Structures are given as C-alpha cells and as structure tokens.
N, C-alpha and C. Protein backbone atom coordinates (compact mmCIF):
# COMPACT_ATOMS: atom_id res chain seq x y z
N MET A 1 0.74 -1.30 0.08
CA MET A 1 0.00 0.20 -0.10
C MET A 1 0.95 1.24 -0.03
N ALA A 2 2.03 1.22 0.62
CA ALA A 2 2.92 2.52 0.87
C ALA A 2 3.54 2.63 -0.33
N ILE A 3 4.13 1.49 -1.05
CA ILE A 3 4.65 1.50 -2.39
C ILE A 3 3.65 2.05 -3.46
N SER A 4 2.42 1.39 -3.38
CA SER A 4 1.47 2.05 -4.28
C SER A 4 1.43 3.44 -4.14
N ARG A 5 1.14 4.10 -2.93
CA ARG A 5 1.03 5.59 -2.87
C ARG A 5 2.33 6.34 -3.10
N SER A 6 3.51 5.64 -3.06
CA SER A 6 4.85 6.60 -3.25
C SER A 6 4.65 6.51 -4.93
N LEU A 7 4.30 5.39 -5.52
CA LEU A 7 4.41 5.28 -7.02
C LEU A 7 3.33 6.44 -7.63
N SER A 8 2.22 6.46 -6.88
CA SER A 8 1.12 7.41 -7.54
C SER A 8 1.48 8.86 -7.22
N PHE A 9 2.44 9.01 -6.27
CA PHE A 9 3.08 10.42 -6.34
C PHE A 9 4.07 10.68 -7.20
N PHE A 10 5.19 9.78 -7.35
CA PHE A 10 6.22 9.93 -8.21
C PHE A 10 6.15 9.86 -9.75
N VAL A 11 5.29 9.01 -10.20
CA VAL A 11 5.08 8.82 -11.68
C VAL A 11 4.63 10.13 -12.11
N PRO A 12 3.68 10.81 -11.75
CA PRO A 12 3.11 12.12 -12.28
C PRO A 12 4.16 13.14 -12.31
N LEU A 13 5.23 13.01 -11.15
CA LEU A 13 6.38 14.03 -11.09
C LEU A 13 7.32 13.74 -12.04
N LEU A 14 7.54 12.61 -12.44
CA LEU A 14 8.48 12.09 -13.35
C LEU A 14 7.77 12.17 -14.86
N VAL A 15 6.78 12.40 -15.12
CA VAL A 15 6.20 12.49 -16.45
C VAL A 15 6.20 14.14 -16.66
N ILE A 16 5.84 14.88 -15.67
CA ILE A 16 6.22 16.35 -15.64
C ILE A 16 7.65 16.62 -16.05
N PHE A 17 8.52 16.03 -15.34
CA PHE A 17 9.96 16.30 -15.52
C PHE A 17 10.35 15.85 -16.91
N VAL A 18 9.91 14.86 -17.37
CA VAL A 18 10.41 14.30 -18.76
C VAL A 18 9.86 15.50 -19.93
N LEU A 19 8.53 15.87 -19.58
CA LEU A 19 7.70 16.59 -20.63
C LEU A 19 8.63 18.29 -20.50
N THR A 20 8.78 18.61 -19.38
CA THR A 20 9.26 19.96 -19.09
C THR A 20 10.67 19.84 -19.94
N ASN A 21 11.51 18.87 -19.65
CA ASN A 21 12.79 18.68 -20.07
C ASN A 21 12.94 18.68 -21.69
N SER A 22 11.93 17.77 -22.35
CA SER A 22 11.85 17.83 -23.84
C SER A 22 11.44 19.24 -24.34
N THR A 23 10.38 19.92 -23.53
CA THR A 23 9.96 21.16 -24.10
C THR A 23 11.04 22.26 -24.14
N SER A 24 11.94 21.97 -22.80
CA SER A 24 13.01 22.82 -22.94
C SER A 24 13.94 22.81 -23.72
N SER A 25 14.28 21.48 -24.23
CA SER A 25 15.14 21.11 -25.13
C SER A 25 14.87 21.63 -26.58
N GLU A 26 13.68 21.32 -26.91
CA GLU A 26 12.94 22.02 -28.22
C GLU A 26 13.02 23.31 -28.39
N ALA A 27 12.81 24.22 -27.15
CA ALA A 27 12.80 25.64 -26.96
C ALA A 27 14.35 26.02 -27.34
N GLN A 28 15.34 25.29 -26.85
CA GLN A 28 16.88 25.57 -26.93
C GLN A 28 17.06 25.25 -28.62
N THR A 29 16.58 24.26 -29.10
CA THR A 29 16.91 24.18 -30.37
C THR A 29 16.29 25.15 -31.41
N GLN A 30 15.00 25.55 -31.06
CA GLN A 30 14.48 26.66 -31.98
C GLN A 30 15.21 27.98 -31.85
N ASP A 31 15.64 28.21 -30.52
CA ASP A 31 16.68 29.44 -30.15
C ASP A 31 18.01 29.53 -31.21
N VAL A 32 18.46 28.15 -31.14
CA VAL A 32 19.76 28.01 -32.05
C VAL A 32 19.24 28.11 -33.57
N ILE A 33 18.11 27.72 -34.14
CA ILE A 33 17.60 27.77 -35.53
C ILE A 33 17.44 29.33 -35.62
N ASP A 34 16.78 30.04 -34.59
CA ASP A 34 16.46 31.38 -34.66
C ASP A 34 17.94 32.27 -35.01
N GLU A 35 18.77 31.81 -34.20
CA GLU A 35 20.06 32.50 -34.22
C GLU A 35 20.67 32.43 -35.64
N VAL A 36 20.63 31.19 -36.14
CA VAL A 36 21.12 30.92 -37.49
C VAL A 36 20.24 31.77 -38.55
N CYS A 37 19.03 31.31 -38.50
CA CYS A 37 18.18 31.85 -39.66
C CYS A 37 17.71 33.52 -39.53
N ARG A 38 18.09 34.02 -38.27
CA ARG A 38 17.94 35.63 -38.46
C ARG A 38 19.10 36.28 -39.06
N GLN A 39 20.07 35.60 -39.50
CA GLN A 39 21.29 35.88 -40.40
C GLN A 39 21.18 35.73 -41.76
N MET A 40 20.08 35.11 -42.11
CA MET A 40 19.74 34.64 -43.66
C MET A 40 18.84 35.72 -44.20
N GLU A 41 18.86 35.75 -45.50
CA GLU A 41 18.07 36.71 -46.29
C GLU A 41 16.69 36.57 -46.30
N GLU A 42 16.58 35.29 -45.98
CA GLU A 42 15.09 34.87 -45.80
C GLU A 42 14.77 33.68 -44.77
N TYR A 43 14.25 34.29 -43.59
CA TYR A 43 14.12 33.46 -42.31
C TYR A 43 13.18 32.41 -42.50
N GLY A 44 12.25 32.56 -42.96
CA GLY A 44 11.13 31.56 -43.37
C GLY A 44 11.81 30.10 -44.24
N PHE A 45 12.40 30.43 -45.12
CA PHE A 45 13.17 29.43 -46.13
C PHE A 45 14.15 28.46 -44.98
N CYS A 46 14.88 29.26 -44.32
CA CYS A 46 15.83 28.55 -43.55
C CYS A 46 15.30 27.87 -42.36
N ASN A 47 14.18 28.45 -41.63
CA ASN A 47 13.47 27.84 -40.69
C ASN A 47 12.71 26.46 -41.13
N ARG A 48 12.05 26.79 -42.11
CA ARG A 48 11.28 25.51 -42.68
C ARG A 48 12.45 24.31 -43.12
N THR A 49 13.58 24.71 -43.72
CA THR A 49 14.42 23.83 -44.00
C THR A 49 14.99 23.04 -42.87
N PHE A 50 15.14 23.57 -41.86
CA PHE A 50 15.66 23.03 -40.76
C PHE A 50 14.64 21.98 -40.05
N HIS A 51 13.47 22.48 -40.01
CA HIS A 51 12.37 21.90 -39.36
C HIS A 51 12.04 20.71 -40.40
N GLU A 52 11.92 20.77 -41.62
CA GLU A 52 11.42 19.60 -42.37
C GLU A 52 12.29 18.58 -42.44
N ASN A 53 13.81 18.70 -42.29
CA ASN A 53 14.57 17.69 -42.21
C ASN A 53 15.24 17.17 -40.80
N MET A 54 14.81 17.81 -39.85
CA MET A 54 15.12 17.45 -38.36
C MET A 54 14.66 15.89 -38.09
N LYS A 55 15.61 14.98 -37.76
CA LYS A 55 14.93 13.69 -37.46
C LYS A 55 14.33 13.52 -36.05
N SER A 56 14.58 14.63 -35.16
CA SER A 56 13.96 14.49 -33.91
C SER A 56 13.64 16.34 -33.71
N PRO A 57 12.87 16.35 -32.87
CA PRO A 57 12.48 17.95 -32.56
C PRO A 57 13.55 18.70 -31.73
N THR A 58 14.68 18.04 -31.33
CA THR A 58 15.71 18.46 -30.71
C THR A 58 17.04 18.23 -31.61
N THR A 59 17.80 19.26 -31.69
CA THR A 59 19.25 18.95 -32.26
C THR A 59 20.25 20.05 -31.91
N ASP A 60 21.40 20.00 -32.27
CA ASP A 60 22.55 21.00 -32.02
C ASP A 60 23.32 21.62 -33.24
N TYR A 61 24.13 22.39 -33.20
CA TYR A 61 24.74 22.91 -34.37
C TYR A 61 25.32 21.79 -35.35
N VAL A 62 25.74 20.60 -34.58
CA VAL A 62 26.26 19.63 -35.66
C VAL A 62 25.05 18.92 -36.49
N GLY A 63 24.06 18.69 -35.72
CA GLY A 63 22.69 18.40 -36.53
C GLY A 63 22.53 19.39 -37.57
N LEU A 64 22.29 20.52 -37.19
CA LEU A 64 22.10 21.78 -38.18
C LEU A 64 22.92 21.78 -39.32
N THR A 65 24.14 21.48 -39.01
CA THR A 65 25.19 21.71 -40.10
C THR A 65 25.17 20.51 -41.21
N ALA A 66 24.64 19.31 -40.65
CA ALA A 66 24.56 18.11 -41.43
C ALA A 66 22.94 18.55 -42.31
N ILE A 67 22.22 18.92 -41.80
CA ILE A 67 21.05 19.22 -42.56
C ILE A 67 21.51 20.19 -43.74
N ALA A 68 21.92 21.39 -43.09
CA ALA A 68 22.08 22.59 -44.24
C ALA A 68 23.25 22.06 -45.34
N MET A 69 24.13 21.31 -44.96
CA MET A 69 25.07 20.72 -45.90
C MET A 69 24.07 19.58 -46.87
N ASP A 70 23.55 18.78 -46.27
CA ASP A 70 22.91 17.65 -47.07
C ASP A 70 21.79 18.49 -48.12
N GLN A 71 21.15 19.55 -47.76
CA GLN A 71 20.28 20.29 -48.60
C GLN A 71 20.99 21.08 -49.73
N THR A 72 22.04 21.60 -49.16
CA THR A 72 22.93 22.39 -50.07
C THR A 72 23.26 21.25 -51.21
N ILE A 73 23.87 20.17 -50.99
CA ILE A 73 24.20 19.14 -51.92
C ILE A 73 23.06 18.86 -52.99
N LYS A 74 22.06 18.56 -52.35
CA LYS A 74 20.85 17.99 -52.99
C LYS A 74 20.27 19.31 -54.10
N ASN A 75 20.42 20.47 -53.46
CA ASN A 75 19.91 21.70 -54.32
C ASN A 75 20.76 21.75 -55.49
N ALA A 76 22.16 21.75 -55.06
CA ALA A 76 23.20 22.18 -56.15
C ALA A 76 23.12 21.19 -57.29
N SER A 77 22.96 19.82 -56.76
CA SER A 77 22.94 18.69 -57.75
C SER A 77 21.68 18.81 -58.61
N ASN A 78 20.47 18.93 -58.05
CA ASN A 78 19.38 19.22 -58.85
C ASN A 78 19.37 20.37 -59.73
N THR A 79 19.94 21.44 -59.45
CA THR A 79 20.12 22.60 -60.27
C THR A 79 21.09 22.63 -61.29
N TYR A 80 22.22 21.66 -60.92
CA TYR A 80 23.19 21.37 -62.04
C TYR A 80 22.56 20.50 -62.95
N ASP A 81 21.67 19.51 -62.83
CA ASP A 81 21.18 18.69 -63.67
C ASP A 81 20.26 19.55 -64.56
N TYR A 82 19.53 20.48 -63.95
CA TYR A 82 18.48 21.33 -64.60
C TYR A 82 19.30 22.36 -65.62
N ILE A 83 20.13 22.69 -65.20
CA ILE A 83 21.13 23.53 -66.12
C ILE A 83 21.82 23.00 -67.13
N VAL A 84 22.07 21.80 -67.06
CA VAL A 84 22.52 21.00 -68.22
C VAL A 84 21.45 20.82 -69.26
N LEU A 85 20.46 20.52 -68.91
CA LEU A 85 19.23 20.44 -69.80
C LEU A 85 18.95 21.80 -70.34
N LEU A 86 19.08 22.91 -69.77
CA LEU A 86 18.99 24.14 -70.17
C LEU A 86 19.99 24.41 -71.31
N VAL A 87 21.23 24.05 -71.07
CA VAL A 87 22.39 24.24 -72.00
C VAL A 87 22.07 23.60 -73.37
N LYS A 88 21.63 22.25 -73.21
CA LYS A 88 21.36 21.53 -74.35
C LYS A 88 20.31 21.99 -75.34
N ASN A 89 19.37 22.68 -74.50
CA ASN A 89 18.12 23.03 -75.34
C ASN A 89 18.30 24.80 -75.66
N THR A 90 19.35 25.31 -75.46
CA THR A 90 19.47 27.00 -75.82
C THR A 90 20.25 26.97 -76.90
N THR A 91 19.73 27.81 -77.87
CA THR A 91 20.47 28.16 -79.16
C THR A 91 21.28 29.55 -79.04
N ASP A 92 20.71 30.22 -78.14
CA ASP A 92 21.50 31.55 -78.34
C ASP A 92 22.81 31.57 -77.59
N PRO A 93 23.75 32.04 -78.30
CA PRO A 93 25.37 31.63 -77.81
C PRO A 93 25.53 32.33 -76.55
N LYS A 94 24.95 33.83 -76.51
CA LYS A 94 25.34 34.41 -75.14
C LYS A 94 24.80 33.90 -73.96
N PHE A 95 23.44 33.51 -74.03
CA PHE A 95 22.66 32.89 -72.98
C PHE A 95 23.18 31.38 -72.75
N LYS A 96 23.73 30.81 -73.78
CA LYS A 96 24.36 29.34 -73.63
C LYS A 96 25.59 29.58 -72.73
N PHE A 97 26.43 30.72 -73.01
CA PHE A 97 27.64 30.99 -72.39
C PHE A 97 27.26 31.10 -70.87
N ALA A 98 26.37 32.00 -70.60
CA ALA A 98 26.01 32.33 -69.15
C ALA A 98 25.74 31.20 -68.42
N LEU A 99 24.79 30.28 -69.16
CA LEU A 99 24.35 28.93 -68.43
C LEU A 99 25.74 28.03 -68.20
N MET A 100 26.52 28.22 -69.24
CA MET A 100 27.56 27.24 -68.85
C MET A 100 28.59 27.64 -67.57
N VAL A 101 28.30 29.09 -67.46
CA VAL A 101 29.25 29.69 -66.13
C VAL A 101 28.36 29.18 -64.93
N CYS A 102 27.04 28.90 -65.22
CA CYS A 102 26.21 28.78 -63.95
C CYS A 102 26.52 27.11 -63.84
N GLU A 103 26.66 26.28 -65.01
CA GLU A 103 26.85 24.79 -64.67
C GLU A 103 28.13 24.75 -64.15
N SER A 104 29.08 25.50 -64.46
CA SER A 104 30.54 25.26 -63.75
C SER A 104 30.51 25.76 -62.18
N ALA A 105 29.63 26.79 -62.02
CA ALA A 105 29.45 27.28 -60.54
C ALA A 105 28.75 26.12 -59.88
N PHE A 106 27.54 25.69 -60.28
CA PHE A 106 26.79 24.46 -59.27
C PHE A 106 27.65 23.26 -59.56
N SER A 107 28.51 23.04 -60.40
CA SER A 107 29.37 22.01 -60.29
C SER A 107 30.50 21.89 -59.19
N THR A 108 31.07 23.09 -59.02
CA THR A 108 31.89 23.44 -57.99
C THR A 108 31.35 23.50 -56.69
N VAL A 109 30.06 24.17 -56.54
CA VAL A 109 29.34 24.07 -55.17
C VAL A 109 29.02 22.77 -54.79
N ARG A 110 28.65 21.90 -55.84
CA ARG A 110 28.19 20.55 -55.43
C ARG A 110 29.50 19.71 -55.02
N SER A 111 30.59 19.87 -55.58
CA SER A 111 31.94 19.07 -55.29
C SER A 111 32.30 19.54 -54.05
N SER A 112 32.30 20.80 -53.79
CA SER A 112 33.00 21.68 -52.69
C SER A 112 32.27 20.93 -51.42
N PHE A 113 30.83 20.99 -51.29
CA PHE A 113 30.23 20.47 -50.42
C PHE A 113 30.24 19.05 -50.08
N GLN A 114 30.30 18.12 -51.18
CA GLN A 114 30.46 16.58 -50.87
C GLN A 114 31.85 16.64 -50.34
N THR A 115 32.96 17.19 -50.76
CA THR A 115 34.16 17.12 -50.11
C THR A 115 34.06 17.60 -48.63
N GLY A 116 33.49 18.72 -48.66
CA GLY A 116 33.13 19.32 -47.03
C GLY A 116 32.45 18.14 -46.13
N LEU A 117 31.49 17.41 -46.84
CA LEU A 117 30.73 16.61 -46.11
C LEU A 117 31.74 15.16 -45.46
N GLN A 118 32.77 15.15 -46.36
CA GLN A 118 33.85 13.99 -46.06
C GLN A 118 34.64 14.58 -44.68
N TYR A 119 34.87 15.90 -44.83
CA TYR A 119 35.76 16.52 -43.72
C TYR A 119 34.77 16.50 -42.29
N PHE A 120 33.60 16.91 -42.58
CA PHE A 120 32.66 16.91 -41.50
C PHE A 120 32.35 15.66 -40.75
N ASN A 121 32.31 14.51 -41.58
CA ASN A 121 32.26 13.12 -41.14
C ASN A 121 33.41 12.78 -40.23
N LYS A 122 34.49 13.30 -40.58
CA LYS A 122 35.72 13.32 -39.70
C LYS A 122 35.92 13.99 -38.68
N LYS A 123 34.88 15.12 -38.44
CA LYS A 123 35.09 15.94 -37.53
C LYS A 123 36.09 17.12 -37.70
N ASP A 124 36.61 17.16 -39.03
CA ASP A 124 37.55 18.18 -39.25
C ASP A 124 36.74 19.35 -39.90
N ASN A 125 36.22 20.17 -39.01
CA ASN A 125 35.47 21.13 -39.34
C ASN A 125 36.30 22.55 -39.91
N ALA A 126 37.41 22.72 -39.79
CA ALA A 126 38.23 23.57 -40.33
C ALA A 126 38.48 23.21 -41.61
N GLY A 127 38.74 21.99 -41.93
CA GLY A 127 38.99 21.55 -43.38
C GLY A 127 37.57 21.64 -44.10
N MET A 128 36.55 21.21 -43.58
CA MET A 128 34.90 21.49 -44.06
C MET A 128 35.00 23.00 -44.57
N LEU A 129 35.26 23.90 -43.64
CA LEU A 129 35.02 25.13 -44.09
C LEU A 129 35.97 25.86 -45.09
N ASN A 130 37.15 25.07 -45.02
CA ASN A 130 38.25 25.42 -46.07
C ASN A 130 37.75 25.24 -47.35
N VAL A 131 37.08 23.95 -47.67
CA VAL A 131 36.77 23.63 -48.92
C VAL A 131 35.38 24.40 -49.56
N GLU A 132 34.60 24.83 -48.46
CA GLU A 132 33.42 25.42 -48.80
C GLU A 132 33.38 27.08 -48.96
N HIS A 133 34.59 27.51 -48.40
CA HIS A 133 34.64 28.85 -48.29
C HIS A 133 34.51 29.75 -49.55
N ASP A 134 34.79 29.35 -50.79
CA ASP A 134 34.68 29.73 -51.99
C ASP A 134 33.39 29.67 -52.74
N THR A 135 32.49 28.81 -52.22
CA THR A 135 31.10 28.82 -52.85
C THR A 135 30.22 29.85 -52.89
N PRO A 136 30.04 30.79 -51.96
CA PRO A 136 29.38 31.70 -52.33
C PRO A 136 29.63 32.68 -53.50
N ARG A 137 31.05 32.83 -53.71
CA ARG A 137 31.50 33.54 -54.96
C ARG A 137 31.32 32.92 -56.05
N ARG A 138 31.24 31.63 -56.15
CA ARG A 138 31.02 30.78 -57.40
C ARG A 138 29.63 30.93 -57.66
N GLN A 139 28.78 30.68 -56.79
CA GLN A 139 27.30 30.91 -56.92
C GLN A 139 27.03 32.32 -57.58
N ALA A 140 27.54 33.26 -56.86
CA ALA A 140 27.31 34.60 -57.11
C ALA A 140 27.65 34.86 -58.75
N ASN A 141 28.85 34.26 -59.33
CA ASN A 141 29.17 34.33 -60.70
C ASN A 141 28.06 33.83 -61.44
N CYS A 142 27.34 32.90 -61.19
CA CYS A 142 26.37 32.41 -62.13
C CYS A 142 25.05 33.44 -62.07
N GLU A 143 24.71 34.11 -60.99
CA GLU A 143 23.88 35.11 -60.96
C GLU A 143 24.45 36.36 -61.71
N ALA A 144 25.51 36.45 -61.62
CA ALA A 144 26.09 37.63 -62.33
C ALA A 144 25.95 37.41 -64.03
N SER A 145 26.28 36.22 -64.53
CA SER A 145 26.30 35.96 -65.74
C SER A 145 24.94 35.96 -66.37
N LEU A 146 24.15 35.74 -65.51
CA LEU A 146 22.66 35.61 -66.13
C LEU A 146 21.82 37.18 -66.01
N SER A 147 22.44 37.93 -65.28
CA SER A 147 21.99 39.23 -64.77
C SER A 147 22.00 40.09 -66.07
N ILE A 148 23.12 40.00 -67.04
CA ILE A 148 23.32 40.78 -68.01
C ILE A 148 22.70 40.31 -69.34
N GLN A 149 21.86 39.04 -69.32
CA GLN A 149 21.18 38.35 -70.44
C GLN A 149 19.60 39.17 -70.37
N PRO A 150 19.22 39.33 -71.69
CA PRO A 150 17.94 39.95 -71.89
C PRO A 150 16.71 38.95 -71.74
N THR A 151 17.08 37.60 -71.79
CA THR A 151 16.18 36.50 -71.39
C THR A 151 15.54 36.49 -70.05
N PRO A 152 14.45 36.23 -69.61
CA PRO A 152 14.11 36.00 -68.38
C PRO A 152 15.19 34.87 -67.87
N ASN A 153 15.34 35.15 -66.71
CA ASN A 153 16.40 34.26 -65.74
C ASN A 153 15.56 33.00 -65.21
N PRO A 154 15.85 31.84 -65.78
CA PRO A 154 15.32 30.70 -65.31
C PRO A 154 15.61 30.17 -64.12
N LEU A 155 16.80 30.90 -63.44
CA LEU A 155 17.44 30.26 -62.37
C LEU A 155 17.32 31.19 -61.11
N VAL A 156 16.28 32.30 -61.08
CA VAL A 156 16.18 33.04 -60.20
C VAL A 156 15.91 32.38 -58.76
N ASP A 157 14.93 31.64 -58.55
CA ASP A 157 14.53 30.90 -57.33
C ASP A 157 15.65 30.11 -57.05
N ARG A 158 16.07 29.12 -57.93
CA ARG A 158 17.27 28.29 -57.57
C ARG A 158 18.43 28.99 -56.93
N ASN A 159 19.00 30.20 -57.57
CA ASN A 159 19.88 30.67 -57.00
C ASN A 159 19.74 31.47 -55.83
N ARG A 160 18.54 31.85 -55.49
CA ARG A 160 18.25 32.28 -54.19
C ARG A 160 18.15 31.24 -53.12
N GLN A 161 17.76 30.27 -53.25
CA GLN A 161 17.73 29.06 -52.56
C GLN A 161 19.05 28.69 -52.20
N MET A 162 20.00 28.69 -53.28
CA MET A 162 21.30 28.22 -53.07
C MET A 162 22.08 29.08 -52.20
N ARG A 163 21.82 30.37 -52.33
CA ARG A 163 22.40 31.59 -51.55
C ARG A 163 22.22 31.24 -50.11
N ILE A 164 20.96 31.04 -49.71
CA ILE A 164 20.64 30.66 -48.37
C ILE A 164 21.20 29.49 -48.03
N LEU A 165 21.05 28.46 -48.64
CA LEU A 165 21.72 27.21 -48.12
C LEU A 165 23.03 27.08 -47.93
N ILE A 166 23.79 27.86 -48.76
CA ILE A 166 25.48 28.01 -48.58
C ILE A 166 25.62 28.79 -47.31
N ALA A 167 24.83 29.77 -47.13
CA ALA A 167 25.03 30.73 -45.95
C ALA A 167 24.55 29.96 -44.61
N MET A 168 23.64 28.93 -44.63
CA MET A 168 23.36 28.28 -43.60
C MET A 168 24.26 27.39 -43.16
N SER A 169 24.90 26.61 -44.45
CA SER A 169 26.01 25.58 -44.05
C SER A 169 27.13 26.29 -43.57
N LEU A 170 27.51 27.49 -43.81
CA LEU A 170 28.77 28.16 -43.45
C LEU A 170 28.45 28.87 -41.99
N VAL A 171 27.39 29.41 -41.71
CA VAL A 171 27.17 29.83 -40.49
C VAL A 171 27.14 28.78 -39.49
N THR A 172 26.25 27.71 -39.59
CA THR A 172 26.22 26.44 -38.65
C THR A 172 27.70 25.83 -38.57
N GLY A 173 28.36 25.80 -39.64
CA GLY A 173 29.88 25.23 -39.63
C GLY A 173 30.59 25.95 -38.93
N HIS A 174 30.58 27.34 -38.89
CA HIS A 174 31.42 28.16 -38.14
C HIS A 174 31.34 27.99 -36.71
N GLN A 175 30.02 27.76 -36.43
CA GLN A 175 29.72 27.46 -34.86
C GLN A 175 30.61 26.28 -34.30
N LEU A 176 30.73 25.30 -35.13
CA LEU A 176 31.47 24.04 -34.67
C LEU A 176 32.97 24.22 -34.39
N LEU A 177 33.39 25.32 -34.67
CA LEU A 177 35.04 25.65 -34.52
C LEU A 177 34.92 26.38 -33.14
N HIS A 178 33.90 26.72 -32.58
CA HIS A 178 33.95 27.39 -31.00
C HIS A 178 33.96 26.11 -30.02
C-alpha cells in the first residue's frame, strides 16, 4: 500500500519532469535555429528547411550543419542537372555561355560540399569550411552571368535558395569551431 502511494506520487512528477525537459530542449533548438536563420536573407526558408529535415525535435549545431550541408548538396545537384538540360536546349550563344558559367558554378558548389561532408564526417570542421569558403563567390558568378542576359532568368529562385543554403551551411559550420 505504501509503495503504491509512493508510485502514484512519483510517476506524475516523472512525467512532468520528462515533458518539461523535452519542451526545454525543443525551445533551445528553436533558439539555435533562430540565431542562424535571423542571419539569412529569408528567415522562413531557413527555418522551414531545418524543421522539415530534423530527425527529432531537438538538435544542435552539428545536426543543423548536417541538415544544411545535405540540403545544399541536393539543391546544387538538382540545379546542376537542370542547367545541363537548359544548355542542351539553348540556341542563343550568349545565353548558352551564361548557362555554362552557371553549370561550372553549381558543379563546384556540389563538389565542394561533397568534399566538405567528408571532412565533416571526420570531425575536421576547419577542413570542411576551407573547401566550402569559395562557394558563395562561385554561386554569385552564376547570378552575375545571367543578370546581363535579356532573356528571363530561369534560375532566379534556384539561385536564391542556393545562396541561403550555402549561408546556412557556413554559419552553422563556423559555430562548430567554437
């Protein structure tokens, strides 16, 4: 009887403790996401990307870096494939040249982040950031080459997303050095 009374007292306390702790951890995760995403040109895209790809409601900078890098690689690969199709179907030589600049840029972004992921998996965060540091400039070369074209830019949204994903990866990755 005494054990039963003790359990009936402690079990609800344990449930409250577990729920409070997980809610607190989720709030801490959101605080970290907010810290990163407030530095981005589009908070909503950043926040949504993290939340849609988290395996649990709580994570840290390591987990967020993994998400950002994975999404950067996927976006760069998909965009690269799209650009290859555009190059094949473009007859305007100036536009074709601009697209080829983009093809090279997205190839570099993709390969840099694939190599960066290898460093990340070895916990060599300095090496990871070193191979990724030039990617914003390469991606910007694509935007610049298309900005002088009279044709509507078919990569506006893809370039915007790529800029944000690269920035998310670099910001979270830099936090791993601290």
